[in-house]
Amino acid sequence: MIDEFGGGLDLTNSELYINAFRDGLGIDEGQLEGLVFQGVPEWDSVGHMTLVAAIEDAFDIVLDTDDIITFDSFEKGKEILKKYEVEI
């Protein structure tokens, strides 16, 4: 990530993950704990794919199809990312 001055931002993996949800779904950080697929109107099937793309971009990974399908909660996403050597 690049800040507004052209320098890199040193965000933690946790911050990157939270930002992916905020940016991908357009929701507040306060909505994330306990969040599940279709738990908010923004996390529908289209929002899901937008969120997946945001996570893939944030961590420079490509999720496999099974992971995309089973990614059904904020917490499950953290578990899935461990498979890609991303610790949240």
Protein backbone atom coordinates (compact mmCIF):
# COMPACT_ATOMS: atom_id res chain seq x y z
CA MET A 1 0.00 0.00 0.00
CA ILE A 2 1.12 3.54 -0.69
CA ASP A 3 0.17 6.48 1.46
CA GLU A 4 -0.94 9.86 0.13
CA PHE A 5 2.67 11.06 0.07
CA GLY A 6 3.90 8.17 -2.09
CA GLY A 7 5.53 6.21 0.73
CA GLY A 8 4.68 2.71 1.86
CA LEU A 9 2.42 2.09 4.81
CA ASP A 10 3.49 -0.53 7.30
CA LEU A 11 0.14 -2.06 8.13
CA THR A 12 -0.16 -5.24 10.13
CA ASN A 13 -1.88 -8.26 8.62
CA SER A 14 -4.77 -7.61 10.99
CA GLU A 15 -5.12 -4.05 9.70
CA LEU A 16 -4.93 -5.26 6.10
CA TYR A 17 -7.64 -7.83 6.79
CA ILE A 18 -9.92 -5.31 8.47
CA ASN A 19 -9.35 -2.82 5.65
CA ALA A 20 -10.26 -5.49 3.08
CA PHE A 21 -13.63 -5.93 4.80
CA ARG A 22 -14.15 -2.18 5.16
CA ASP A 23 -13.20 -1.49 1.55
CA GLY A 24 -14.70 -4.63 0.01
CA LEU A 25 -18.04 -4.39 1.76
CA GLY A 26 -18.16 -0.71 2.66
CA ILE A 27 -18.94 -1.40 6.32
CA ASP A 28 -17.62 -0.04 9.60
CA GLU A 29 -15.00 -1.85 11.65
CA GLY A 30 -17.50 -2.11 14.49
CA GLN A 31 -19.62 -4.48 12.40
CA LEU A 32 -16.84 -7.05 11.92
CA GLU A 33 -16.87 -9.05 15.14
CA GLY A 34 -19.21 -12.01 14.66
CA LEU A 35 -19.96 -11.00 11.07
CA VAL A 36 -21.21 -13.82 8.86
CA PHE A 37 -22.06 -14.12 5.17
CA GLN A 38 -25.38 -12.36 4.55
CA GLY A 39 -25.24 -10.97 8.10
CA VAL A 40 -25.36 -7.49 6.58
CA PRO A 41 -26.95 -6.52 3.25
CA GLU A 42 -23.53 -5.63 1.83
CA TRP A 43 -22.23 -9.20 2.20
CA ASP A 44 -24.33 -10.80 -0.50
CA SER A 45 -22.98 -12.91 -3.37
CA VAL A 46 -21.64 -9.87 -5.26
CA GLY A 47 -20.19 -8.38 -2.08
CA HIS A 48 -18.58 -11.74 -1.36
CA MET A 49 -16.62 -11.69 -4.60
CA THR A 50 -15.64 -8.05 -4.03
CA LEU A 51 -14.42 -9.00 -0.56
CA VAL A 52 -12.47 -11.97 -1.93
CA ALA A 53 -10.79 -9.70 -4.48
CA ALA A 54 -9.92 -7.16 -1.76
CA ILE A 55 -8.35 -9.89 0.39
CA GLU A 56 -6.43 -11.35 -2.53
CA ASP A 57 -5.09 -7.89 -3.39
CA ALA A 58 -4.21 -7.07 0.23
CA PHE A 59 -2.15 -10.23 0.71
CA ASP A 60 -1.04 -10.87 -2.90
CA ILE A 61 -2.61 -14.34 -2.95
CA VAL A 62 -5.19 -16.23 -5.00
CA LEU A 63 -7.78 -18.11 -2.96
CA ASP A 64 -8.81 -21.49 -4.34
CA THR A 65 -12.45 -22.19 -5.11
CA ASP A 66 -13.05 -24.30 -2.00
CA ASP A 67 -11.73 -21.50 0.20
CA ILE A 68 -13.96 -18.94 -1.51
CA ILE A 69 -16.99 -21.17 -0.95
CA THR A 70 -16.25 -21.93 2.72
CA PHE A 71 -15.32 -18.32 3.55
CA ASP A 72 -18.54 -17.53 5.38
CA SER A 73 -17.50 -15.38 8.34
CA PHE A 74 -14.98 -12.84 9.53
CA GLU A 75 -13.38 -15.50 11.74
CA LYS A 76 -13.39 -18.21 9.04
CA GLY A 77 -11.47 -15.87 6.76
CA LYS A 78 -8.66 -15.73 9.32
CA GLU A 79 -8.50 -19.54 9.38
CA ILE A 80 -8.42 -19.73 5.60
CA LEU A 81 -5.60 -17.19 5.38
CA LYS A 82 -3.41 -19.41 7.57
CA LYS A 83 -3.33 -21.89 4.67
CA TYR A 84 -1.65 -19.12 2.65
CA GLU A 85 0.85 -18.43 5.44
CA VAL A 86 -0.92 -15.24 6.48
CA GLU A 87 -1.28 -14.88 10.24
CA ILE A 88 -3.86 -12.39 11.45
